Amino acid sequence: FSDYAGRSVTETFADVVGYYVGRCALDNPYDTGEHDAYYQFAKEH
């Protein structure tokens, strides 16, 4: 999902949530539109 999280599933979870709230963070992975599935997870779950 992100460079910060790398291949750690726990860091990926935290970044999926963190970038969902901090939408104005520089280089937000959601800006690309390629991570809709992660976005929907944060939104719904």
All heavy atoms as atom14 arrays in JSON, in Angstrom:
{
  "sequence": "FSDYAGRSVTETFADVVGYYVGRCALDNPYDTGEHDAYYQFAKEH",
  "atom14_mask": [
    [1, 1, 1, 1, 1, 1, 1, 1, 1, 1, 1, 0, 0, 0],
    [1, 1, 1, 1, 1, 1, 0, 0, 0, 0, 0, 0, 0, 0],
    [1, 1, 1, 1, 1, 1, 1, 1, 0, 0, 0, 0, 0, 0],
    [1, 1, 1, 1, 1, 1, 1, 1, 1, 1, 1, 1, 0, 0],
    [1, 1, 1, 1, 1, 0, 0, 0, 0, 0, 0, 0, 0, 0],
    [1, 1, 1, 1, 0, 0, 0, 0, 0, 0, 0, 0, 0, 0],
    [1, 1, 1, 1, 1, 1, 1, 1, 1, 1, 1, 0, 0, 0],
    [1, 1, 1, 1, 1, 1, 0, 0, 0, 0, 0, 0, 0, 0],
    [1, 1, 1, 1, 1, 1, 1, 0, 0, 0, 0, 0, 0, 0],
    [1, 1, 1, 1, 1, 1, 1, 0, 0, 0, 0, 0, 0, 0],
    [1, 1, 1, 1, 1, 1, 1, 1, 1, 0, 0, 0, 0, 0],
    [1, 1, 1, 1, 1, 1, 1, 0, 0, 0, 0, 0, 0, 0],
    [1, 1, 1, 1, 1, 1, 1, 1, 1, 1, 1, 0, 0, 0],
    [1, 1, 1, 1, 1, 0, 0, 0, 0, 0, 0, 0, 0, 0],
    [1, 1, 1, 1, 1, 1, 1, 1, 0, 0, 0, 0, 0, 0],
    [1, 1, 1, 1, 1, 1, 1, 0, 0, 0, 0, 0, 0, 0],
    [1, 1, 1, 1, 1, 1, 1, 0, 0, 0, 0, 0, 0, 0],
    [1, 1, 1, 1, 0, 0, 0, 0, 0, 0, 0, 0, 0, 0],
    [1, 1, 1, 1, 1, 1, 1, 1, 1, 1, 1, 1, 0, 0],
    [1, 1, 1, 1, 1, 1, 1, 1, 1, 1, 1, 1, 0, 0],
    [1, 1, 1, 1, 1, 1, 1, 0, 0, 0, 0, 0, 0, 0],
    [1, 1, 1, 1, 0, 0, 0, 0, 0, 0, 0, 0, 0, 0],
    [1, 1, 1, 1, 1, 1, 1, 1, 1, 1, 1, 0, 0, 0],
    [1, 1, 1, 1, 1, 1, 0, 0, 0, 0, 0, 0, 0, 0],
    [1, 1, 1, 1, 1, 0, 0, 0, 0, 0, 0, 0, 0, 0],
    [1, 1, 1, 1, 1, 1, 1, 1, 0, 0, 0, 0, 0, 0],
    [1, 1, 1, 1, 1, 1, 1, 1, 0, 0, 0, 0, 0, 0],
    [1, 1, 1, 1, 1, 1, 1, 1, 0, 0, 0, 0, 0, 0],
    [1, 1, 1, 1, 1, 1, 1, 0, 0, 0, 0, 0, 0, 0],
    [1, 1, 1, 1, 1, 1, 1, 1, 1, 1, 1, 1, 0, 0],
    [1, 1, 1, 1, 1, 1, 1, 1, 0, 0, 0, 0, 0, 0],
    [1, 1, 1, 1, 1, 1, 1, 0, 0, 0, 0, 0, 0, 0],
    [1, 1, 1, 1, 0, 0, 0, 0, 0, 0, 0, 0, 0, 0],
    [1, 1, 1, 1, 1, 1, 1, 1, 1, 0, 0, 0, 0, 0],
    [1, 1, 1, 1, 1, 1, 1, 1, 1, 1, 0, 0, 0, 0],
    [1, 1, 1, 1, 1, 1, 1, 1, 0, 0, 0, 0, 0, 0],
    [1, 1, 1, 1, 1, 0, 0, 0, 0, 0, 0, 0, 0, 0],
    [1, 1, 1, 1, 1, 1, 1, 1, 1, 1, 1, 1, 0, 0],
    [1, 1, 1, 1, 1, 1, 1, 1, 1, 1, 1, 1, 0, 0],
    [1, 1, 1, 1, 1, 1, 1, 1, 1, 0, 0, 0, 0, 0],
    [1, 1, 1, 1, 1, 1, 1, 1, 1, 1, 1, 0, 0, 0],
    [1, 1, 1, 1, 1, 0, 0, 0, 0, 0, 0, 0, 0, 0],
    [1, 1, 1, 1, 1, 1, 1, 1, 1, 0, 0, 0, 0, 0],
    [1, 1, 1, 1, 1, 1, 1, 1, 1, 0, 0, 0, 0, 0],
    [1, 1, 1, 1, 1, 1, 1, 1, 1, 1, 0, 0, 0, 0]
  ],
  "atom14_positions": [
    [[0.81, -1.21, 0.0], [0.0, 0.0, 0.0], [0.85, 1.27, 0.0], [0.59, 2.19, -0.75], [-0.93, -0.01, 1.22], [-1.73, 1.25, 1.41], [-2.76, 1.57, 0.53], [-1.45, 2.13, 2.46], [-3.51, 2.75, 0.71], [-2.19, 3.28, 2.64], [-3.22, 3.6, 1.77], [0.0, 0.0, 0.0], [0.0, 0.0, 0.0], [0.0, 0.0, 0.0]],
    [[1.87, 1.31, 0.86], [2.67, 2.53, 0.98], [4.13, 2.18, 1.24], [4.46, 1.08, 1.7], [2.15, 3.39, 2.14], [2.36, 2.72, 3.39], [0.0, 0.0, 0.0], [0.0, 0.0, 0.0], [0.0, 0.0, 0.0], [0.0, 0.0, 0.0], [0.0, 0.0, 0.0], [0.0, 0.0, 0.0], [0.0, 0.0, 0.0], [0.0, 0.0, 0.0]],
    [[5.03, 3.14, 0.95], [6.44, 2.95, 1.22], [6.7, 2.8, 2.72], [7.54, 2.02, 3.15], [7.25, 4.12, 0.67], [7.26, 4.15, -0.85], [7.01, 3.09, -1.47], [7.5, 5.23, -1.42], [0.0, 0.0, 0.0], [0.0, 0.0, 0.0], [0.0, 0.0, 0.0], [0.0, 0.0, 0.0], [0.0, 0.0, 0.0], [0.0, 0.0, 0.0]],
    [[5.99, 3.56, 3.51], [6.16, 3.51, 4.97], [5.85, 2.12, 5.5], [6.59, 1.56, 6.3], [5.22, 4.54, 5.6], [5.32, 4.69, 7.1], [5.99, 5.77, 7.67], [4.72, 3.77, 7.96], [6.08, 5.92, 9.05], [4.8, 3.91, 9.34], [5.48, 4.99, 9.87], [5.56, 5.13, 11.24], [0.0, 0.0, 0.0], [0.0, 0.0, 0.0]],
    [[4.73, 1.54, 5.04], [4.3, 0.24, 5.55], [5.14, -0.89, 4.99], [5.29, -1.95, 5.62], [2.82, 0.01, 5.21], [0.0, 0.0, 0.0], [0.0, 0.0, 0.0], [0.0, 0.0, 0.0], [0.0, 0.0, 0.0], [0.0, 0.0, 0.0], [0.0, 0.0, 0.0], [0.0, 0.0, 0.0], [0.0, 0.0, 0.0], [0.0, 0.0, 0.0]],
    [[5.69, -0.7, 3.8], [6.47, -1.77, 3.18], [5.64, -3.03, 3.03], [4.5, -3.0, 2.58], [0.0, 0.0, 0.0], [0.0, 0.0, 0.0], [0.0, 0.0, 0.0], [0.0, 0.0, 0.0], [0.0, 0.0, 0.0], [0.0, 0.0, 0.0], [0.0, 0.0, 0.0], [0.0, 0.0, 0.0], [0.0, 0.0, 0.0], [0.0, 0.0, 0.0]],
    [[6.2, -4.18, 3.45], [5.48, -5.44, 3.31], [4.98, -5.97, 4.65], [4.69, -7.16, 4.79], [6.39, -6.47, 2.65], [7.68, -6.75, 3.38], [8.54, -7.73, 2.59], [9.74, -8.13, 3.33], [10.64, -8.99, 2.87], [10.46, -9.52, 1.67], [11.69, -9.3, 3.59], [0.0, 0.0, 0.0], [0.0, 0.0, 0.0], [0.0, 0.0, 0.0]],
    [[4.89, -5.11, 5.64], [4.33, -5.49, 6.94], [2.82, -5.35, 6.91], [2.3, -4.26, 6.62], [4.91, -4.61, 8.05], [4.15, -4.74, 9.23], [0.0, 0.0, 0.0], [0.0, 0.0, 0.0], [0.0, 0.0, 0.0], [0.0, 0.0, 0.0], [0.0, 0.0, 0.0], [0.0, 0.0, 0.0], [0.0, 0.0, 0.0], [0.0, 0.0, 0.0]],
    [[2.1, -6.4, 7.22], [0.64, -6.34, 7.2], [0.11, -5.45, 8.31], [-0.9, -4.75, 8.13], [0.03, -7.76, 7.27], [0.35, -8.45, 8.58], [-1.49, -7.71, 7.05], [0.0, 0.0, 0.0], [0.0, 0.0, 0.0], [0.0, 0.0, 0.0], [0.0, 0.0, 0.0], [0.0, 0.0, 0.0], [0.0, 0.0, 0.0], [0.0, 0.0, 0.0]],
    [[0.79, -5.43, 9.47], [0.31, -4.59, 10.56], [0.55, -3.11, 10.26], [-0.32, -2.26, 10.54], [0.99, -4.97, 11.89], [2.42, -4.95, 11.72], [0.56, -6.35, 12.33], [0.0, 0.0, 0.0], [0.0, 0.0, 0.0], [0.0, 0.0, 0.0], [0.0, 0.0, 0.0], [0.0, 0.0, 0.0], [0.0, 0.0, 0.0], [0.0, 0.0, 0.0]],
    [[1.69, -2.79, 9.67], [1.95, -1.4, 9.27], [1.03, -0.98, 8.12], [0.62, 0.17, 8.03], [3.41, -1.21, 8.89], [4.39, -1.3, 10.04], [4.2, -0.2, 11.07], [3.74, 0.91, 10.72], [4.5, -0.44, 12.26], [0.0, 0.0, 0.0], [0.0, 0.0, 0.0], [0.0, 0.0, 0.0], [0.0, 0.0, 0.0], [0.0, 0.0, 0.0]],
    [[0.71, -1.93, 7.24], [-0.22, -1.63, 6.15], [-1.58, -1.28, 6.71], [-2.22, -0.31, 6.29], [-0.31, -2.81, 5.18], [0.96, -3.02, 4.57], [-1.35, -2.54, 4.09], [0.0, 0.0, 0.0], [0.0, 0.0, 0.0], [0.0, 0.0, 0.0], [0.0, 0.0, 0.0], [0.0, 0.0, 0.0], [0.0, 0.0, 0.0], [0.0, 0.0, 0.0]],
    [[-2.05, -2.06, 7.68], [-3.35, -1.74, 8.31], [-3.33, -0.33, 8.9], [-4.25, 0.46, 8.66], [-3.68, -2.75, 9.41], [-4.93, -2.41, 10.18], [-6.18, -2.74, 9.67], [-4.86, -1.73, 11.39], [-7.33, -2.41, 10.37], [-6.0, -1.39, 12.08], [-7.25, -1.73, 11.57], [0.0, 0.0, 0.0], [0.0, 0.0, 0.0], [0.0, 0.0, 0.0]],
    [[-2.27, -0.02, 9.64], [-2.2, 1.29, 10.27], [-2.14, 2.42, 9.25], [-2.73, 3.48, 9.44], [-0.99, 1.35, 11.2], [0.0, 0.0, 0.0], [0.0, 0.0, 0.0], [0.0, 0.0, 0.0], [0.0, 0.0, 0.0], [0.0, 0.0, 0.0], [0.0, 0.0, 0.0], [0.0, 0.0, 0.0], [0.0, 0.0, 0.0], [0.0, 0.0, 0.0]],
    [[-1.45, 2.19, 8.13], [-1.36, 3.23, 7.1], [-2.65, 3.35, 6.29], [-3.02, 4.45, 5.86], [-0.18, 2.95, 6.16], [0.92, 3.99, 6.31], [0.84, 4.81, 7.24], [1.86, 4.0, 5.49], [0.0, 0.0, 0.0], [0.0, 0.0, 0.0], [0.0, 0.0, 0.0], [0.0, 0.0, 0.0], [0.0, 0.0, 0.0], [0.0, 0.0, 0.0]],
    [[-3.33, 2.24, 6.06], [-4.64, 2.29, 5.4], [-5.59, 3.17, 6.19], [-6.36, 3.97, 5.63], [-5.21, 0.86, 5.24], [-6.71, 0.87, 4.96], [-4.48, 0.13, 4.12], [0.0, 0.0, 0.0], [0.0, 0.0, 0.0], [0.0, 0.0, 0.0], [0.0, 0.0, 0.0], [0.0, 0.0, 0.0], [0.0, 0.0, 0.0], [0.0, 0.0, 0.0]],
    [[-5.52, 3.07, 7.51], [-6.35, 3.91, 8.38], [-5.81, 5.33, 8.45], [-6.56, 6.31, 8.34], [-6.42, 3.29, 9.79], [-7.1, 4.25, 10.78], [-7.16, 1.97, 9.76], [0.0, 0.0, 0.0], [0.0, 0.0, 0.0], [0.0, 0.0, 0.0], [0.0, 0.0, 0.0], [0.0, 0.0, 0.0], [0.0, 0.0, 0.0], [0.0, 0.0, 0.0]],
    [[-4.49, 5.46, 8.63], [-3.9, 6.78, 8.79], [-4.1, 7.68, 7.58], [-4.49, 8.84, 7.72], [0.0, 0.0, 0.0], [0.0, 0.0, 0.0], [0.0, 0.0, 0.0], [0.0, 0.0, 0.0], [0.0, 0.0, 0.0], [0.0, 0.0, 0.0], [0.0, 0.0, 0.0], [0.0, 0.0, 0.0], [0.0, 0.0, 0.0], [0.0, 0.0, 0.0]],
    [[-3.85, 7.16, 6.4], [-4.03, 7.96, 5.19], [-5.51, 8.18, 4.87], [-5.84, 9.13, 4.16], [-3.33, 7.29, 4.01], [-1.85, 7.57, 3.92], [-0.9, 6.56, 4.1], [-1.38, 8.86, 3.66], [0.46, 6.82, 4.01], [-0.02, 9.13, 3.57], [0.89, 8.1, 3.75], [2.24, 8.37, 3.66], [0.0, 0.0, 0.0], [0.0, 0.0, 0.0]],
    [[-6.39, 7.33, 5.36], [-7.82, 7.53, 5.16], [-8.28, 8.8, 5.87], [-9.09, 9.56, 5.34], [-8.58, 6.32, 5.71], [-10.08, 6.37, 5.49], [-10.64, 5.89, 4.3], [-10.93, 6.88, 6.46], [-12.01, 5.94, 4.09], [-12.3, 6.93, 6.26], [-12.84, 6.45, 5.08], [-14.22, 6.5, 4.88], [0.0, 0.0, 0.0], [0.0, 0.0, 0.0]],
    [[-7.74, 9.04, 7.06], [-8.08, 10.25, 7.81], [-7.25, 11.43, 7.31], [-7.79, 12.51, 7.03], [-7.86, 10.05, 9.32], [-8.19, 11.34, 10.09], [-8.7, 8.89, 9.84], [0.0, 0.0, 0.0], [0.0, 0.0, 0.0], [0.0, 0.0, 0.0], [0.0, 0.0, 0.0], [0.0, 0.0, 0.0], [0.0, 0.0, 0.0], [0.0, 0.0, 0.0]],
    [[-5.93, 11.24, 7.18], [-5.06, 12.31, 6.75], [-4.99, 12.43, 5.24], [-3.92, 12.25, 4.64], [0.0, 0.0, 0.0], [0.0, 0.0, 0.0], [0.0, 0.0, 0.0], [0.0, 0.0, 0.0], [0.0, 0.0, 0.0], [0.0, 0.0, 0.0], [0.0, 0.0, 0.0], [0.0, 0.0, 0.0], [0.0, 0.0, 0.0], [0.0, 0.0, 0.0]],
    [[-6.11, 12.76, 4.62], [-6.18, 12.76, 3.16], [-5.26, 13.8, 2.53], [-4.89, 13.68, 1.36], [-7.63, 13.01, 2.71], [-8.59, 11.85, 3.02], [-8.2, 10.56, 2.32], [-8.06, 10.74, 0.88], [-9.11, 10.8, 0.04], [-10.34, 10.68, 0.5], [-8.91, 10.94, -1.25], [0.0, 0.0, 0.0], [0.0, 0.0, 0.0], [0.0, 0.0, 0.0]],
    [[-4.87, 14.83, 3.29], [-4.02, 15.86, 2.72], [-2.53, 15.56, 2.88], [-1.69, 16.38, 2.51], [-4.33, 17.21, 3.36], [-5.89, 17.95, 2.79], [0.0, 0.0, 0.0], [0.0, 0.0, 0.0], [0.0, 0.0, 0.0], [0.0, 0.0, 0.0], [0.0, 0.0, 0.0], [0.0, 0.0, 0.0], [0.0, 0.0, 0.0], [0.0, 0.0, 0.0]],
    [[-2.21, 14.4, 3.44], [-0.8, 14.03, 3.58], [-0.14, 13.94, 2.22], [-0.72, 13.42, 1.26], [-0.67, 12.71, 4.33], [0.0, 0.0, 0.0], [0.0, 0.0, 0.0], [0.0, 0.0, 0.0], [0.0, 0.0, 0.0], [0.0, 0.0, 0.0], [0.0, 0.0, 0.0], [0.0, 0.0, 0.0], [0.0, 0.0, 0.0], [0.0, 0.0, 0.0]],
    [[1.08, 14.42, 2.13], [1.82, 14.39, 0.87], [1.98, 12.96, 0.38], [2.24, 12.04, 1.16], [3.2, 15.02, 1.09], [4.11, 15.15, -0.14], [3.51, 16.09, -1.16], [5.49, 15.63, 0.29], [0.0, 0.0, 0.0], [0.0, 0.0, 0.0], [0.0, 0.0, 0.0], [0.0, 0.0, 0.0], [0.0, 0.0, 0.0], [0.0, 0.0, 0.0]],
    [[1.79, 12.77, -0.93], [1.94, 11.45, -1.55], [1.0, 10.42, -0.95], [1.35, 9.24, -0.78], [3.38, 10.95, -1.45], [4.36, 11.86, -2.16], [3.97, 12.47, -3.19], [5.51, 11.99, -1.69], [0.0, 0.0, 0.0], [0.0, 0.0, 0.0], [0.0, 0.0, 0.0], [0.0, 0.0, 0.0], [0.0, 0.0, 0.0], [0.0, 0.0, 0.0]],
    [[-0.21, 10.83, -0.63], [-1.21, 9.91, -0.09], [-1.51, 8.82, -1.12], [-1.86, 9.12, -2.26], [-2.49, 10.68, 0.25], [-3.48, 9.85, 1.05], [-3.75, 8.69, 0.74], [-4.04, 10.46, 2.09], [0.0, 0.0, 0.0], [0.0, 0.0, 0.0], [0.0, 0.0, 0.0], [0.0, 0.0, 0.0], [0.0, 0.0, 0.0], [0.0, 0.0, 0.0]],
    [[-1.37, 7.54, -0.77], [-1.61, 6.46, -1.74], [-3.02, 6.5, -2.34], [-3.22, 6.02, -3.47], [-1.39, 5.19, -0.92], [-0.44, 5.59, 0.14], [-0.84, 7.0, 0.51], [0.0, 0.0, 0.0], [0.0, 0.0, 0.0], [0.0, 0.0, 0.0], [0.0, 0.0, 0.0], [0.0, 0.0, 0.0], [0.0, 0.0, 0.0], [0.0, 0.0, 0.0]],
    [[-3.97, 7.05, -1.61], [-5.34, 7.12, -2.15], [-5.46, 8.12, -3.29], [-6.44, 8.09, -4.04], [-6.34, 7.48, -1.04], [-6.49, 6.4, 0.01], [-6.26, 6.69, 1.35], [-6.89, 5.11, -0.32], [-6.41, 5.71, 2.33], [-7.04, 4.12, 0.65], [-6.79, 4.43, 1.97], [-6.93, 3.46, 2.94], [0.0, 0.0, 0.0], [0.0, 0.0, 0.0]],
    [[-4.49, 9.01, -3.43], [-4.55, 10.02, -4.49], [-4.54, 9.39, -5.88], [-5.05, 9.96, -6.83], [-3.37, 10.99, -4.38], [-3.45, 11.88, -3.14], [-4.53, 11.92, -2.52], [-2.43, 12.52, -2.82], [0.0, 0.0, 0.0], [0.0, 0.0, 0.0], [0.0, 0.0, 0.0], [0.0, 0.0, 0.0], [0.0, 0.0, 0.0], [0.0, 0.0, 0.0]],
    [[-3.94, 8.21, -5.99], [-3.8, 7.58, -7.3], [-5.08, 6.91, -7.78], [-5.22, 6.62, -8.97], [-2.69, 6.52, -7.27], [-3.11, 5.44, -6.4], [-1.38, 7.1, -6.76], [0.0, 0.0, 0.0], [0.0, 0.0, 0.0], [0.0, 0.0, 0.0], [0.0, 0.0, 0.0], [0.0, 0.0, 0.0], [0.0, 0.0, 0.0], [0.0, 0.0, 0.0]],
    [[-5.99, 6.63, -6.87], [-7.2, 5.91, -7.24], [-6.99, 4.42, -7.42], [-7.88, 3.72, -7.9], [0.0, 0.0, 0.0], [0.0, 0.0, 0.0], [0.0, 0.0, 0.0], [0.0, 0.0, 0.0], [0.0, 0.0, 0.0], [0.0, 0.0, 0.0], [0.0, 0.0, 0.0], [0.0, 0.0, 0.0], [0.0, 0.0, 0.0], [0.0, 0.0, 0.0]],
    [[-5.82, 3.93, -7.02], [-5.49, 2.52, -7.22], [-5.77, 1.66, -5.99], [-5.56, 0.44, -6.03], [-4.0, 2.38, -7.59], [-3.65, 3.07, -8.89], [-2.15, 3.02, -9.17], [-1.42, 2.47, -8.31], [-1.72, 3.52, -10.22], [0.0, 0.0, 0.0], [0.0, 0.0, 0.0], [0.0, 0.0, 0.0], [0.0, 0.0, 0.0], [0.0, 0.0, 0.0]],
    [[-6.23, 2.26, -4.92], [-6.39, 1.52, -3.68], [-7.83, 1.6, -3.16], [-8.06, 1.75, -1.95], [-5.41, 2.02, -2.62], [-3.98, 1.84, -3.0], [-3.38, 0.59, -3.08], [-3.02, 2.74, -3.34], [-2.12, 0.74, -3.44], [-1.87, 2.03, -3.6], [0.0, 0.0, 0.0], [0.0, 0.0, 0.0], [0.0, 0.0, 0.0], [0.0, 0.0, 0.0]],
    [[-8.78, 1.48, -4.07], [-10.19, 1.57, -3.68], [-10.57, 0.49, -2.67], [-11.39, 0.74, -1.77], [-11.09, 1.43, -4.92], [-11.06, 2.68, -5.79], [-10.23, 3.57, -5.51], [-11.86, 2.77, -6.73], [0.0, 0.0, 0.0], [0.0, 0.0, 0.0], [0.0, 0.0, 0.0], [0.0, 0.0, 0.0], [0.0, 0.0, 0.0], [0.0, 0.0, 0.0]],
    [[-10.01, -0.7, -2.81], [-10.37, -1.8, -1.92], [-9.95, -1.49, -0.48], [-10.7, -1.73, 0.47], [-9.75, -3.11, -2.39], [0.0, 0.0, 0.0], [0.0, 0.0, 0.0], [0.0, 0.0, 0.0], [0.0, 0.0, 0.0], [0.0, 0.0, 0.0], [0.0, 0.0, 0.0], [0.0, 0.0, 0.0], [0.0, 0.0, 0.0], [0.0, 0.0, 0.0]],
    [[-8.74, -0.97, -0.32], [-8.29, -0.58, 1.01], [-9.14, 0.58, 1.56], [-9.48, 0.62, 2.74], [-6.82, -0.16, 0.98], [-5.84, -1.31, 0.97], [-4.76, -1.33, 0.09], [-5.96, -2.38, 1.87], [-3.84, -2.36, 0.1], [-5.05, -3.42, 1.88], [-3.99, -3.41, 1.0], [-3.08, -4.46, 1.01], [0.0, 0.0, 0.0], [0.0, 0.0, 0.0]],
    [[-9.47, 1.51, 0.68], [-10.29, 2.65, 1.09], [-11.65, 2.18, 1.6], [-12.13, 2.63, 2.65], [-10.47, 3.6, -0.09], [-11.24, 4.87, 0.23], [-10.57, 6.01, 0.66], [-12.62, 4.93, 0.1], [-11.26, 7.18, 0.95], [-13.32, 6.09, 0.4], [-12.64, 7.2, 0.82], [-13.33, 8.36, 1.12], [0.0, 0.0, 0.0], [0.0, 0.0, 0.0]],
    [[-12.27, 1.28, 0.86], [-13.59, 0.77, 1.26], [-13.51, 0.0, 2.57], [-14.44, 0.04, 3.38], [-14.17, -0.11, 0.15], [-14.59, 0.66, -1.1], [-15.61, 1.75, -0.8], [-16.55, 1.56, -0.03], [-15.44, 2.91, -1.45], [0.0, 0.0, 0.0], [0.0, 0.0, 0.0], [0.0, 0.0, 0.0], [0.0, 0.0, 0.0], [0.0, 0.0, 0.0]],
    [[-12.4, -0.69, 2.79], [-12.25, -1.41, 4.05], [-12.24, -0.42, 5.22], [-12.94, -0.62, 6.21], [-10.95, -2.23, 4.06], [-10.75, -2.98, 5.35], [-11.22, -4.27, 5.5], [-10.1, -2.37, 6.43], [-11.06, -4.96, 6.7], [-9.93, -3.05, 7.64], [-10.41, -4.35, 7.76], [0.0, 0.0, 0.0], [0.0, 0.0, 0.0], [0.0, 0.0, 0.0]],
    [[-11.42, 0.62, 5.12], [-11.36, 1.61, 6.19], [-12.72, 2.27, 6.4], [-13.16, 2.48, 7.54], [-10.3, 2.66, 5.87], [0.0, 0.0, 0.0], [0.0, 0.0, 0.0], [0.0, 0.0, 0.0], [0.0, 0.0, 0.0], [0.0, 0.0, 0.0], [0.0, 0.0, 0.0], [0.0, 0.0, 0.0], [0.0, 0.0, 0.0], [0.0, 0.0, 0.0]],
    [[-13.38, 2.57, 5.3], [-14.69, 3.23, 5.38], [-15.72, 2.34, 6.08], [-16.43, 2.8, 6.99], [-15.16, 3.58, 3.97], [-16.57, 4.2, 3.91], [-16.95, 4.5, 2.46], [-18.38, 5.04, 2.38], [-18.76, 5.32, 0.97], [0.0, 0.0, 0.0], [0.0, 0.0, 0.0], [0.0, 0.0, 0.0], [0.0, 0.0, 0.0], [0.0, 0.0, 0.0]],
    [[-15.8, 1.09, 5.68], [-16.86, 0.22, 6.17], [-16.53, -0.46, 7.49], [-17.39, -0.58, 8.36], [-17.17, -0.85, 5.11], [-17.71, -0.27, 3.81], [-17.76, -1.28, 2.68], [-17.56, -2.49, 2.96], [-17.97, -0.87, 1.53], [0.0, 0.0, 0.0], [0.0, 0.0, 0.0], [0.0, 0.0, 0.0], [0.0, 0.0, 0.0], [0.0, 0.0, 0.0]],
    [[-15.28, -0.9, 7.66], [-14.94, -1.72, 8.82], [-14.39, -0.91, 9.99], [-14.41, -1.4, 11.13], [-13.9, -2.78, 8.43], [-14.43, -3.84, 7.52], [-14.92, -5.04, 7.98], [-14.57, -3.87, 6.17], [-15.32, -5.77, 6.96], [-15.12, -5.08, 5.85], [0.0, 0.0, 0.0], [0.0, 0.0, 0.0], [0.0, 0.0, 0.0], [0.0, 0.0, 0.0]]
  ]
}
